[in-house]
Amino acid sequence: MANIKSSKKRIKVIQTKTLRNRIIKSKVKTAIKKVVLTAENNNLEEAKIALAKAATEIDKAVSKGVFHKNAAARKKSSLAKIVNKIGA
């Protein structure tokens, strides 16, 4: 454990930020799973709705600094490919 007051504060701040980041990542993963599951069930309408929600969650994660913008673009692109594959 740290002895210096500023180090103790840093540890607390990092813990709260880590918790926040974990919550945001979990929301994104859940949204992605919903898109994949609806796509596997060949339900195009629900998949499109799930894709829109997932894109929103991913964009929120980018704005909060949890994901890099290119990583978010990659995730959204791969999900869009999955949804478009059932539409074709």
N, C-alpha and C. Protein backbone atom coordinates (compact mmCIF):
# COMPACT_ATOMS: atom_id res chain seq x y z
N MET A 1 0.84 -1.18 0.00
CA MET A 1 0.00 0.00 0.00
C MET A 1 0.88 1.24 0.00
N ALA A 2 0.43 2.26 -0.67
CA ALA A 2 1.21 3.49 -0.78
C ALA A 2 1.20 4.26 0.53
N ASN A 3 2.28 5.00 0.75
CA ASN A 3 2.39 5.84 1.95
C ASN A 3 2.06 7.29 1.65
N ILE A 4 2.31 7.71 0.45
CA ILE A 4 2.13 9.11 0.08
C ILE A 4 0.66 9.38 -0.20
N LYS A 5 0.20 10.54 0.28
CA LYS A 5 -1.21 10.89 0.16
C LYS A 5 -1.68 10.93 -1.30
N SER A 6 -0.89 11.52 -2.17
CA SER A 6 -1.27 11.62 -3.59
C SER A 6 -1.33 10.24 -4.24
N SER A 7 -0.44 9.35 -3.82
CA SER A 7 -0.46 7.99 -4.36
C SER A 7 -1.71 7.24 -3.92
N LYS A 8 -2.12 7.46 -2.68
CA LYS A 8 -3.35 6.84 -2.20
C LYS A 8 -4.55 7.33 -2.99
N LYS A 9 -4.56 8.62 -3.29
CA LYS A 9 -5.67 9.19 -4.06
C LYS A 9 -5.66 8.61 -5.47
N ARG A 10 -4.49 8.51 -6.09
CA ARG A 10 -4.38 7.93 -7.43
C ARG A 10 -4.95 6.53 -7.46
N ILE A 11 -4.65 5.73 -6.44
CA ILE A 11 -5.15 4.37 -6.37
C ILE A 11 -6.67 4.36 -6.33
N LYS A 12 -7.27 5.25 -5.51
CA LYS A 12 -8.73 5.33 -5.43
C LYS A 12 -9.33 5.75 -6.76
N VAL A 13 -8.74 6.75 -7.40
CA VAL A 13 -9.25 7.25 -8.67
C VAL A 13 -9.17 6.17 -9.74
N ILE A 14 -8.07 5.46 -9.78
CA ILE A 14 -7.90 4.39 -10.76
C ILE A 14 -8.93 3.29 -10.54
N GLN A 15 -9.22 2.97 -9.28
CA GLN A 15 -10.21 1.94 -9.00
C GLN A 15 -11.59 2.34 -9.51
N THR A 16 -11.97 3.61 -9.30
CA THR A 16 -13.29 4.05 -9.76
C THR A 16 -13.35 4.09 -11.28
N LYS A 17 -12.28 4.53 -11.91
CA LYS A 17 -12.25 4.57 -13.38
C LYS A 17 -12.27 3.16 -13.96
N THR A 18 -11.56 2.24 -13.33
CA THR A 18 -11.54 0.85 -13.80
C THR A 18 -12.94 0.25 -13.71
N LEU A 19 -13.63 0.53 -12.62
CA LEU A 19 -14.99 0.03 -12.46
C LEU A 19 -15.91 0.60 -13.54
N ARG A 20 -15.80 1.90 -13.80
CA ARG A 20 -16.62 2.54 -14.82
C ARG A 20 -16.34 1.94 -16.20
N ASN A 21 -15.06 1.76 -16.51
CA ASN A 21 -14.68 1.19 -17.80
C ASN A 21 -15.20 -0.23 -17.95
N ARG A 22 -15.16 -1.01 -16.85
CA ARG A 22 -15.63 -2.39 -16.89
C ARG A 22 -17.13 -2.43 -17.17
N ILE A 23 -17.88 -1.51 -16.56
CA ILE A 23 -19.33 -1.45 -16.79
C ILE A 23 -19.62 -1.12 -18.25
N ILE A 24 -18.91 -0.15 -18.79
CA ILE A 24 -19.14 0.27 -20.17
C ILE A 24 -18.78 -0.86 -21.14
N LYS A 25 -17.65 -1.53 -20.90
CA LYS A 25 -17.24 -2.64 -21.76
C LYS A 25 -18.26 -3.77 -21.71
N SER A 26 -18.81 -4.02 -20.54
CA SER A 26 -19.81 -5.06 -20.38
C SER A 26 -21.07 -4.73 -21.19
N LYS A 27 -21.50 -3.47 -21.16
CA LYS A 27 -22.67 -3.06 -21.94
C LYS A 27 -22.43 -3.27 -23.43
N VAL A 28 -21.22 -2.93 -23.88
CA VAL A 28 -20.90 -3.09 -25.30
C VAL A 28 -20.90 -4.56 -25.68
N LYS A 29 -20.30 -5.40 -24.84
CA LYS A 29 -20.24 -6.83 -25.14
C LYS A 29 -21.64 -7.43 -25.20
N THR A 30 -22.51 -7.01 -24.28
CA THR A 30 -23.89 -7.50 -24.27
C THR A 30 -24.61 -7.10 -25.54
N ALA A 31 -24.43 -5.84 -25.95
CA ALA A 31 -25.09 -5.36 -27.17
C ALA A 31 -24.59 -6.13 -28.39
N ILE A 32 -23.30 -6.42 -28.44
CA ILE A 32 -22.73 -7.17 -29.56
C ILE A 32 -23.30 -8.59 -29.59
N LYS A 33 -23.41 -9.22 -28.40
CA LYS A 33 -23.96 -10.57 -28.33
C LYS A 33 -25.40 -10.61 -28.84
N LYS A 34 -26.18 -9.57 -28.51
CA LYS A 34 -27.56 -9.53 -28.97
C LYS A 34 -27.64 -9.45 -30.49
N VAL A 35 -26.75 -8.68 -31.10
CA VAL A 35 -26.73 -8.59 -32.56
C VAL A 35 -26.39 -9.94 -33.17
N VAL A 36 -25.38 -10.60 -32.63
CA VAL A 36 -24.95 -11.89 -33.17
C VAL A 36 -26.04 -12.94 -33.01
N LEU A 37 -26.69 -12.96 -31.84
CA LEU A 37 -27.75 -13.96 -31.61
C LEU A 37 -28.94 -13.75 -32.54
N THR A 38 -29.36 -12.49 -32.72
CA THR A 38 -30.50 -12.24 -33.61
C THR A 38 -30.12 -12.55 -35.05
N ALA A 39 -28.86 -12.33 -35.42
CA ALA A 39 -28.42 -12.65 -36.78
C ALA A 39 -28.39 -14.16 -36.99
N GLU A 40 -27.98 -14.90 -35.96
CA GLU A 40 -27.95 -16.36 -36.07
C GLU A 40 -29.35 -16.94 -36.21
N ASN A 41 -30.34 -16.25 -35.64
CA ASN A 41 -31.73 -16.70 -35.75
C ASN A 41 -32.39 -16.22 -37.04
N ASN A 42 -31.62 -15.58 -37.91
CA ASN A 42 -32.11 -15.07 -39.19
C ASN A 42 -33.29 -14.10 -39.03
N ASN A 43 -33.26 -13.31 -37.99
CA ASN A 43 -34.30 -12.32 -37.75
C ASN A 43 -33.75 -10.95 -38.13
N LEU A 44 -34.03 -10.55 -39.38
CA LEU A 44 -33.41 -9.35 -39.93
C LEU A 44 -33.86 -8.08 -39.21
N GLU A 45 -35.16 -7.95 -38.95
CA GLU A 45 -35.66 -6.72 -38.33
C GLU A 45 -35.09 -6.51 -36.93
N GLU A 46 -35.11 -7.56 -36.12
CA GLU A 46 -34.56 -7.45 -34.77
C GLU A 46 -33.06 -7.23 -34.81
N ALA A 47 -32.39 -7.83 -35.79
CA ALA A 47 -30.94 -7.66 -35.91
C ALA A 47 -30.60 -6.21 -36.23
N LYS A 48 -31.40 -5.58 -37.09
CA LYS A 48 -31.14 -4.17 -37.42
C LYS A 48 -31.35 -3.27 -36.19
N ILE A 49 -32.38 -3.57 -35.43
CA ILE A 49 -32.63 -2.79 -34.21
C ILE A 49 -31.48 -2.99 -33.21
N ALA A 50 -31.06 -4.25 -33.05
CA ALA A 50 -29.95 -4.55 -32.13
C ALA A 50 -28.66 -3.91 -32.61
N LEU A 51 -28.47 -3.86 -33.93
CA LEU A 51 -27.27 -3.22 -34.49
C LEU A 51 -27.25 -1.74 -34.16
N ALA A 52 -28.39 -1.08 -34.29
CA ALA A 52 -28.46 0.35 -33.97
C ALA A 52 -28.14 0.60 -32.50
N LYS A 53 -28.68 -0.25 -31.62
CA LYS A 53 -28.41 -0.10 -30.18
C LYS A 53 -26.94 -0.36 -29.87
N ALA A 54 -26.38 -1.37 -30.53
CA ALA A 54 -24.97 -1.69 -30.31
C ALA A 54 -24.07 -0.56 -30.78
N ALA A 55 -24.41 0.03 -31.93
CA ALA A 55 -23.62 1.15 -32.45
C ALA A 55 -23.67 2.32 -31.48
N THR A 56 -24.83 2.55 -30.88
CA THR A 56 -24.96 3.64 -29.91
C THR A 56 -24.09 3.37 -28.69
N GLU A 57 -24.12 2.15 -28.18
CA GLU A 57 -23.31 1.80 -27.02
C GLU A 57 -21.81 1.93 -27.34
N ILE A 58 -21.42 1.50 -28.53
CA ILE A 58 -20.02 1.60 -28.93
C ILE A 58 -19.60 3.06 -29.03
N ASP A 59 -20.46 3.89 -29.61
CA ASP A 59 -20.14 5.32 -29.73
C ASP A 59 -20.04 5.99 -28.36
N LYS A 60 -20.89 5.58 -27.43
CA LYS A 60 -20.80 6.13 -26.07
C LYS A 60 -19.47 5.75 -25.43
N ALA A 61 -19.05 4.50 -25.66
CA ALA A 61 -17.78 4.05 -25.11
C ALA A 61 -16.61 4.85 -25.68
N VAL A 62 -16.70 5.21 -26.96
CA VAL A 62 -15.65 6.02 -27.58
C VAL A 62 -15.63 7.41 -26.96
N SER A 63 -16.82 7.99 -26.77
CA SER A 63 -16.87 9.35 -26.24
C SER A 63 -16.37 9.41 -24.80
N LYS A 64 -16.46 8.30 -24.07
CA LYS A 64 -15.97 8.27 -22.69
C LYS A 64 -14.51 7.82 -22.62
N GLY A 65 -13.92 7.50 -23.76
CA GLY A 65 -12.51 7.16 -23.79
C GLY A 65 -12.20 5.70 -23.48
N VAL A 66 -13.21 4.85 -23.52
CA VAL A 66 -12.98 3.43 -23.21
C VAL A 66 -12.43 2.71 -24.43
N PHE A 67 -12.95 3.05 -25.62
CA PHE A 67 -12.47 2.46 -26.87
C PHE A 67 -11.86 3.54 -27.75
N HIS A 68 -10.90 3.14 -28.56
CA HIS A 68 -10.35 4.03 -29.57
C HIS A 68 -11.34 4.10 -30.73
N LYS A 69 -11.36 5.22 -31.43
CA LYS A 69 -12.36 5.39 -32.49
C LYS A 69 -12.19 4.37 -33.61
N ASN A 70 -10.97 3.96 -33.91
CA ASN A 70 -10.77 2.96 -34.96
C ASN A 70 -11.24 1.58 -34.51
N ALA A 71 -11.05 1.26 -33.24
CA ALA A 71 -11.53 -0.01 -32.72
C ALA A 71 -13.05 -0.05 -32.78
N ALA A 72 -13.67 1.08 -32.46
CA ALA A 72 -15.13 1.17 -32.52
C ALA A 72 -15.62 1.01 -33.95
N ALA A 73 -14.94 1.64 -34.89
CA ALA A 73 -15.32 1.53 -36.29
C ALA A 73 -15.20 0.08 -36.77
N ARG A 74 -14.15 -0.59 -36.31
CA ARG A 74 -13.95 -2.00 -36.68
C ARG A 74 -15.07 -2.88 -36.13
N LYS A 75 -15.45 -2.64 -34.88
CA LYS A 75 -16.52 -3.43 -34.26
C LYS A 75 -17.84 -3.20 -34.98
N LYS A 76 -18.17 -1.93 -35.27
CA LYS A 76 -19.43 -1.61 -35.94
C LYS A 76 -19.45 -2.19 -37.34
N SER A 77 -18.32 -2.15 -38.02
CA SER A 77 -18.24 -2.68 -39.38
C SER A 77 -18.46 -4.18 -39.40
N SER A 78 -17.84 -4.89 -38.47
CA SER A 78 -18.00 -6.34 -38.44
C SER A 78 -19.43 -6.73 -38.11
N LEU A 79 -20.08 -5.96 -37.22
CA LEU A 79 -21.47 -6.25 -36.90
C LEU A 79 -22.37 -5.98 -38.11
N ALA A 80 -22.08 -4.90 -38.83
CA ALA A 80 -22.87 -4.57 -40.02
C ALA A 80 -22.74 -5.67 -41.07
N LYS A 81 -21.53 -6.24 -41.19
CA LYS A 81 -21.34 -7.34 -42.14
C LYS A 81 -22.19 -8.53 -41.77
N ILE A 82 -22.24 -8.82 -40.48
CA ILE A 82 -23.05 -9.96 -40.02
C ILE A 82 -24.51 -9.76 -40.33
N VAL A 83 -25.01 -8.54 -40.07
CA VAL A 83 -26.43 -8.24 -40.32
C VAL A 83 -26.72 -8.22 -41.81
N ASN A 84 -25.83 -7.66 -42.60
CA ASN A 84 -26.06 -7.60 -44.05
C ASN A 84 -26.03 -8.99 -44.70
N LYS A 85 -25.28 -9.89 -44.07
CA LYS A 85 -25.19 -11.25 -44.63
C LYS A 85 -26.54 -11.96 -44.57
N ILE A 86 -27.33 -11.71 -43.52
CA ILE A 86 -28.65 -12.37 -43.45
C ILE A 86 -29.66 -11.68 -44.33
N GLY A 87 -29.38 -10.42 -44.70
CA GLY A 87 -30.30 -9.70 -45.58
C GLY A 87 -30.14 -10.11 -47.03
N ALA A 88 -28.98 -10.66 -47.37
CA ALA A 88 -28.71 -11.01 -48.76
C ALA A 88 -29.21 -12.38 -49.13
